[in-house]
Amino acid sequence: MRLPPASIPARIGAVTAAAALIAAVGGTTAASAAVRSHPQQPRHEVGHAAVGDAVKQTYRQKSARPSATPAVGKVLTALSIGVFRQVAHKHRITAVIDGRLYEPNESDHGVRGKTVLLLREGAGGHWAVVGHEFTGPHGGVAFGVHVRKSATFRLVFPGTPNFQASISATETIS
């Protein structure tokens, strides 16, 4: 549809007003953050290369606790881990590892809809990704695992443009 020439200046004025509003609120990052934090985000799979890079970057942090000062503009996060249920069979152990991704403040709000990775410590001390899940409505996540002998696990949140990465403590199943 072709617009009449009289409506073009009105549209340019509306775009200019919207740009001024975005600048007054805090720039384009505030507008894009509002769009990205919509609760109805589509689920997506994480590619292996992206996961590897995120894990390498996350493990450069030495502590399992989140740092006191997050990166500018990022929300501080923390990740808990625990063994919900453990059943011993004849030749293996079946367990459910659960965790919670949350904002460590007075209210401890859970962070929903984010990808959390399950890592298992290998024989050489390296960590391998063995699973990934999305957090639930209150930040909870659970993984079913089968181990033949003792194994150590850890949860990792690789971070997003709005949330800081975090690593849980370790949990050993034996």
C-alpha atoms as a PDB file:
ATOM      1  CA  MET A   1       0.000   0.000   0.000  1.00  0.00           C
ATOM      2  CA  ARG A   2       1.343   3.389  -0.914  1.00  0.00           C
ATOM      3  CA  LEU A   3       1.157   6.135   1.719  1.00  0.00           C
ATOM      4  CA  PRO A   4      -0.097   9.591   0.810  1.00  0.00           C
ATOM      5  CA  PRO A   5       2.646  12.265   1.024  1.00  0.00           C
ATOM      6  CA  ALA A   6       0.914  14.014   3.967  1.00  0.00           C
ATOM      7  CA  SER A   7       1.319  10.985   6.274  1.00  0.00           C
ATOM      8  CA  ILE A   8       5.078  10.571   5.753  1.00  0.00           C
ATOM      9  CA  PRO A   9       6.072  13.532   8.009  1.00  0.00           C
ATOM     10  CA  ALA A  10       3.698  12.216  10.683  1.00  0.00           C
ATOM     11  CA  ARG A  11       5.394   8.805  10.599  1.00  0.00           C
ATOM     12  CA  ILE A  12       8.856  10.382  10.753  1.00  0.00           C
ATOM     13  CA  GLY A  13       7.718  12.398  13.773  1.00  0.00           C
ATOM     14  CA  ALA A  14       6.461   9.234  15.503  1.00  0.00           C
ATOM     15  CA  VAL A  15       9.770   7.437  14.914  1.00  0.00           C
ATOM     16  CA  THR A  16      11.703  10.441  16.262  1.00  0.00           C
ATOM     17  CA  ALA A  17       9.501  10.516  19.367  1.00  0.00           C
ATOM     18  CA  ALA A  18      10.027   6.781  19.946  1.00  0.00           C
ATOM     19  CA  ALA A  19      13.803   7.199  19.627  1.00  0.00           C
ATOM     20  CA  ALA A  20      13.731  10.055  22.146  1.00  0.00           C
ATOM     21  CA  LEU A  21      11.724   7.904  24.567  1.00  0.00           C
ATOM     22  CA  ILE A  22      14.186   5.021  24.275  1.00  0.00           C
ATOM     23  CA  ALA A  23      17.104   7.395  24.877  1.00  0.00           C
ATOM     24  CA  ALA A  24      15.363   8.843  27.949  1.00  0.00           C
ATOM     25  CA  VAL A  25      14.665   5.403  29.426  1.00  0.00           C
ATOM     26  CA  GLY A  26      18.242   4.219  29.126  1.00  0.00           C
ATOM     27  CA  GLY A  27      19.197   3.631  25.540  1.00  0.00           C
ATOM     28  CA  THR A  28      18.535   0.754  23.220  1.00  0.00           C
ATOM     29  CA  THR A  29      19.838  -1.799  25.720  1.00  0.00           C
ATOM     30  CA  ALA A  30      16.876  -1.151  28.008  1.00  0.00           C
ATOM     31  CA  ALA A  31      14.451  -1.598  25.134  1.00  0.00           C
ATOM     32  CA  SER A  32      16.137  -4.757  23.887  1.00  0.00           C
ATOM     33  CA  ALA A  33      16.362  -6.156  27.433  1.00  0.00           C
ATOM     34  CA  ALA A  34      12.628  -5.647  27.868  1.00  0.00           C
ATOM     35  CA  VAL A  35      11.984  -7.516  24.636  1.00  0.00           C
ATOM     36  CA  ARG A  36      14.366 -10.378  25.519  1.00  0.00           C
ATOM     37  CA  SER A  37      12.989 -10.899  29.022  1.00  0.00           C
ATOM     38  CA  HIS A  38       9.493 -11.681  27.769  1.00  0.00           C
ATOM     39  CA  PRO A  39       8.252 -14.797  29.624  1.00  0.00           C
ATOM     40  CA  GLN A  40       6.966 -16.448  26.451  1.00  0.00           C
ATOM     41  CA  GLN A  41      10.417 -16.896  24.876  1.00  0.00           C
ATOM     42  CA  PRO A  42      10.627 -19.820  22.472  1.00  0.00           C
ATOM     43  CA  ARG A  43      12.736 -22.730  23.643  1.00  0.00           C
ATOM     44  CA  HIS A  44      15.914 -23.358  21.695  1.00  0.00           C
ATOM     45  CA  GLU A  45      18.666 -25.925  21.676  1.00  0.00           C
ATOM     46  CA  VAL A  46      22.237 -25.035  22.564  1.00  0.00           C
ATOM     47  CA  GLY A  47      24.904 -25.965  20.022  1.00  0.00           C
ATOM     48  CA  HIS A  48      27.947 -27.946  21.219  1.00  0.00           C
ATOM     49  CA  ALA A  49      30.418 -25.225  20.167  1.00  0.00           C
ATOM     50  CA  ALA A  50      28.479 -22.551  22.049  1.00  0.00           C
ATOM     51  CA  VAL A  51      28.247 -24.790  25.113  1.00  0.00           C
ATOM     52  CA  GLY A  52      31.987 -25.503  25.058  1.00  0.00           C
ATOM     53  CA  ASP A  53      32.879 -21.822  24.776  1.00  0.00           C
ATOM     54  CA  ALA A  54      30.447 -20.894  27.548  1.00  0.00           C
ATOM     55  CA  VAL A  55      31.801 -23.597  29.867  1.00  0.00           C
ATOM     56  CA  LYS A  56      35.425 -22.568  29.227  1.00  0.00           C
ATOM     57  CA  GLN A  57      34.566 -18.947  29.920  1.00  0.00           C
ATOM     58  CA  THR A  58      32.590 -19.874  33.037  1.00  0.00           C
ATOM     59  CA  TYR A  59      35.388 -22.022  34.502  1.00  0.00           C
ATOM     60  CA  ARG A  60      37.829 -19.145  34.363  1.00  0.00           C
ATOM     61  CA  GLN A  61      36.120 -18.020  37.552  1.00  0.00           C
ATOM     62  CA  LYS A  62      37.852 -19.683  40.517  1.00  0.00           C
ATOM     63  CA  SER A  63      35.002 -19.656  43.037  1.00  0.00           C
ATOM     64  CA  ALA A  64      31.789 -21.670  43.103  1.00  0.00           C
ATOM     65  CA  ARG A  65      30.100 -18.643  44.715  1.00  0.00           C
ATOM     66  CA  PRO A  66      28.999 -15.711  42.549  1.00  0.00           C
ATOM     67  CA  SER A  67      31.205 -12.637  42.668  1.00  0.00           C
ATOM     68  CA  ALA A  68      30.087  -9.710  44.801  1.00  0.00           C
ATOM     69  CA  THR A  69      29.939  -7.310  41.859  1.00  0.00           C
ATOM     70  CA  PRO A  70      28.416  -8.603  38.621  1.00  0.00           C
ATOM     71  CA  ALA A  71      29.317  -7.194  35.225  1.00  0.00           C
ATOM     72  CA  VAL A  72      27.673  -3.873  34.462  1.00  0.00           C
ATOM     73  CA  GLY A  73      24.014  -4.366  33.579  1.00  0.00           C
ATOM     74  CA  LYS A  74      23.927  -8.077  34.430  1.00  0.00           C
ATOM     75  CA  VAL A  75      21.782  -9.589  37.179  1.00  0.00           C
ATOM     76  CA  LEU A  76      23.739 -11.603  39.757  1.00  0.00           C
ATOM     77  CA  THR A  77      22.770 -15.321  39.828  1.00  0.00           C
ATOM     78  CA  ALA A  78      23.532 -18.328  42.046  1.00  0.00           C
ATOM     79  CA  LEU A  79      23.045 -22.039  41.424  1.00  0.00           C
ATOM     80  CA  SER A  80      22.349 -24.702  44.057  1.00  0.00           C
ATOM     81  CA  ILE A  81      22.729 -28.483  43.669  1.00  0.00           C
ATOM     82  CA  GLY A  82      21.525 -31.539  45.565  1.00  0.00           C
ATOM     83  CA  VAL A  83      20.703 -35.230  45.172  1.00  0.00           C
ATOM     84  CA  PHE A  84      16.941 -35.624  45.371  1.00  0.00           C
ATOM     85  CA  ARG A  85      16.736 -39.411  45.209  1.00  0.00           C
ATOM     86  CA  GLN A  86      19.336 -42.159  45.014  1.00  0.00           C
ATOM     87  CA  VAL A  87      18.560 -45.850  44.375  1.00  0.00           C
ATOM     88  CA  ALA A  88      21.210 -48.588  44.374  1.00  0.00           C
ATOM     89  CA  HIS A  89      20.781 -51.420  41.868  1.00  0.00           C
ATOM     90  CA  LYS A  90      22.931 -54.523  41.413  1.00  0.00           C
ATOM     91  CA  HIS A  91      25.491 -52.946  39.042  1.00  0.00           C
ATOM     92  CA  ARG A  92      24.691 -49.224  39.093  1.00  0.00           C
ATOM     93  CA  ILE A  93      23.228 -46.323  41.021  1.00  0.00           C
ATOM     94  CA  THR A  94      20.326 -44.287  39.698  1.00  0.00           C
ATOM     95  CA  ALA A  95      19.956 -40.775  41.073  1.00  0.00           C
ATOM     96  CA  VAL A  96      18.089 -37.526  40.448  1.00  0.00           C
ATOM     97  CA  ILE A  97      20.267 -34.430  40.673  1.00  0.00           C
ATOM     98  CA  ASP A  98      18.301 -31.258  41.210  1.00  0.00           C
ATOM     99  CA  GLY A  99      19.225 -27.624  41.451  1.00  0.00           C
ATOM    100  CA  ARG A 100      17.829 -24.116  41.461  1.00  0.00           C
ATOM    101  CA  LEU A 101      18.931 -21.005  39.574  1.00  0.00           C
ATOM    102  CA  TYR A 102      18.057 -17.864  41.520  1.00  0.00           C
ATOM    103  CA  GLU A 103      18.939 -14.245  42.203  1.00  0.00           C
ATOM    104  CA  PRO A 104      20.806 -14.175  45.567  1.00  0.00           C
ATOM    105  CA  ASN A 105      19.086 -11.259  47.287  1.00  0.00           C
ATOM    106  CA  GLU A 106      16.508 -10.900  50.054  1.00  0.00           C
ATOM    107  CA  SER A 107      13.722 -12.510  48.026  1.00  0.00           C
ATOM    108  CA  ASP A 108      15.764 -15.222  46.201  1.00  0.00           C
ATOM    109  CA  HIS A 109      13.578 -15.104  43.071  1.00  0.00           C
ATOM    110  CA  GLY A 110      14.039 -18.094  40.775  1.00  0.00           C
ATOM    111  CA  VAL A 111      15.186 -17.463  37.209  1.00  0.00           C
ATOM    112  CA  ARG A 112      12.937 -19.348  34.778  1.00  0.00           C
ATOM    113  CA  GLY A 113      13.405 -20.478  31.197  1.00  0.00           C
ATOM    114  CA  LYS A 114      17.241 -20.522  31.198  1.00  0.00           C
ATOM    115  CA  THR A 115      19.532 -23.359  30.110  1.00  0.00           C
ATOM    116  CA  VAL A 116      21.484 -25.122  32.872  1.00  0.00           C
ATOM    117  CA  LEU A 117      24.216 -27.648  32.032  1.00  0.00           C
ATOM    118  CA  LEU A 118      25.034 -30.824  33.980  1.00  0.00           C
ATOM    119  CA  LEU A 119      28.779 -31.565  34.048  1.00  0.00           C
ATOM    120  CA  ARG A 120      30.514 -34.754  35.180  1.00  0.00           C
ATOM    121  CA  GLU A 121      34.126 -34.847  36.316  1.00  0.00           C
ATOM    122  CA  GLY A 122      36.261 -37.183  34.220  1.00  0.00           C
ATOM    123  CA  ALA A 123      39.210 -39.329  35.254  1.00  0.00           C
ATOM    124  CA  GLY A 124      41.732 -36.636  34.303  1.00  0.00           C
ATOM    125  CA  GLY A 125      39.962 -33.951  36.312  1.00  0.00           C
ATOM    126  CA  HIS A 126      38.278 -32.374  33.294  1.00  0.00           C
ATOM    127  CA  TRP A 127      34.562 -31.609  33.219  1.00  0.00           C
ATOM    128  CA  ALA A 128      32.319 -32.937  30.441  1.00  0.00           C
ATOM    129  CA  VAL A 129      28.780 -31.789  29.620  1.00  0.00           C
ATOM    130  CA  VAL A 130      26.415 -34.760  30.037  1.00  0.00           C
ATOM    131  CA  GLY A 131      23.063 -32.965  29.830  1.00  0.00           C
ATOM    132  CA  HIS A 132      21.197 -29.689  29.638  1.00  0.00           C
ATOM    133  CA  GLU A 133      17.719 -28.642  30.755  1.00  0.00           C
ATOM    134  CA  PHE A 134      15.632 -25.491  30.988  1.00  0.00           C
ATOM    135  CA  THR A 135      14.751 -24.090  34.397  1.00  0.00           C
ATOM    136  CA  GLY A 136      11.131 -24.306  35.509  1.00  0.00           C
ATOM    137  CA  PRO A 137       8.813 -21.502  36.637  1.00  0.00           C
ATOM    138  CA  HIS A 138      10.637 -21.088  39.979  1.00  0.00           C
ATOM    139  CA  GLY A 139      14.164 -21.722  38.679  1.00  0.00           C
ATOM    140  CA  GLY A 140      14.227 -25.459  39.423  1.00  0.00           C
ATOM    141  CA  VAL A 141      15.958 -28.033  37.236  1.00  0.00           C
ATOM    142  CA  ALA A 142      16.408 -31.834  37.542  1.00  0.00           C
ATOM    143  CA  PHE A 143      18.525 -34.473  35.794  1.00  0.00           C
ATOM    144  CA  GLY A 144      18.303 -38.273  35.954  1.00  0.00           C
ATOM    145  CA  VAL A 145      21.709 -40.011  36.002  1.00  0.00           C
ATOM    146  CA  HIS A 146      23.016 -43.584  36.092  1.00  0.00           C
ATOM    147  CA  VAL A 147      26.503 -44.275  37.444  1.00  0.00           C
ATOM    148  CA  ARG A 148      28.416 -47.541  37.791  1.00  0.00           C
ATOM    149  CA  LYS A 149      30.903 -46.226  40.331  1.00  0.00           C
ATOM    150  CA  SER A 150      31.455 -42.977  42.192  1.00  0.00           C
ATOM    151  CA  ALA A 151      30.930 -39.827  40.095  1.00  0.00           C
ATOM    152  CA  THR A 152      31.108 -36.102  40.806  1.00  0.00           C
ATOM    153  CA  PHE A 153      28.648 -33.701  39.206  1.00  0.00           C
ATOM    154  CA  ARG A 154      28.252 -29.930  38.989  1.00  0.00           C
ATOM    155  CA  LEU A 155      25.656 -27.577  37.478  1.00  0.00           C
ATOM    156  CA  VAL A 156      26.650 -24.601  35.317  1.00  0.00           C
ATOM    157  CA  PHE A 157      24.616 -21.655  34.081  1.00  0.00           C
ATOM    158  CA  PRO A 158      26.598 -20.185  31.147  1.00  0.00           C
ATOM    159  CA  GLY A 159      24.945 -16.770  31.477  1.00  0.00           C
ATOM    160  CA  THR A 160      23.035 -14.580  29.051  1.00  0.00           C
ATOM    161  CA  PRO A 161      23.297 -10.942  28.013  1.00  0.00           C
ATOM    162  CA  ASN A 162      21.108 -10.058  31.038  1.00  0.00           C
ATOM    163  CA  PHE A 163      22.201 -12.643  33.654  1.00  0.00           C
ATOM    164  CA  GLN A 164      25.673 -13.386  35.016  1.00  0.00           C
ATOM    165  CA  ALA A 165      27.071 -16.925  34.691  1.00  0.00           C
ATOM    166  CA  SER A 166      27.248 -19.105  37.808  1.00  0.00           C
ATOM    167  CA  ILE A 167      28.592 -22.487  38.904  1.00  0.00           C
ATOM    168  CA  SER A 168      27.219 -24.719  41.645  1.00  0.00           C
ATOM    169  CA  ALA A 169      29.187 -26.634  44.236  1.00  0.00           C
ATOM    170  CA  THR A 170      29.986 -30.274  43.468  1.00  0.00           C
ATOM    171  CA  GLU A 171      27.863 -33.285  44.422  1.00  0.00           C
ATOM    172  CA  THR A 172      29.294 -36.828  44.581  1.00  0.00           C
ATOM    173  CA  ILE A 173      27.206 -39.955  44.011  1.00  0.00           C
ATOM    174  CA  SER A 174      28.713 -43.198  45.288  1.00  0.00           C
END
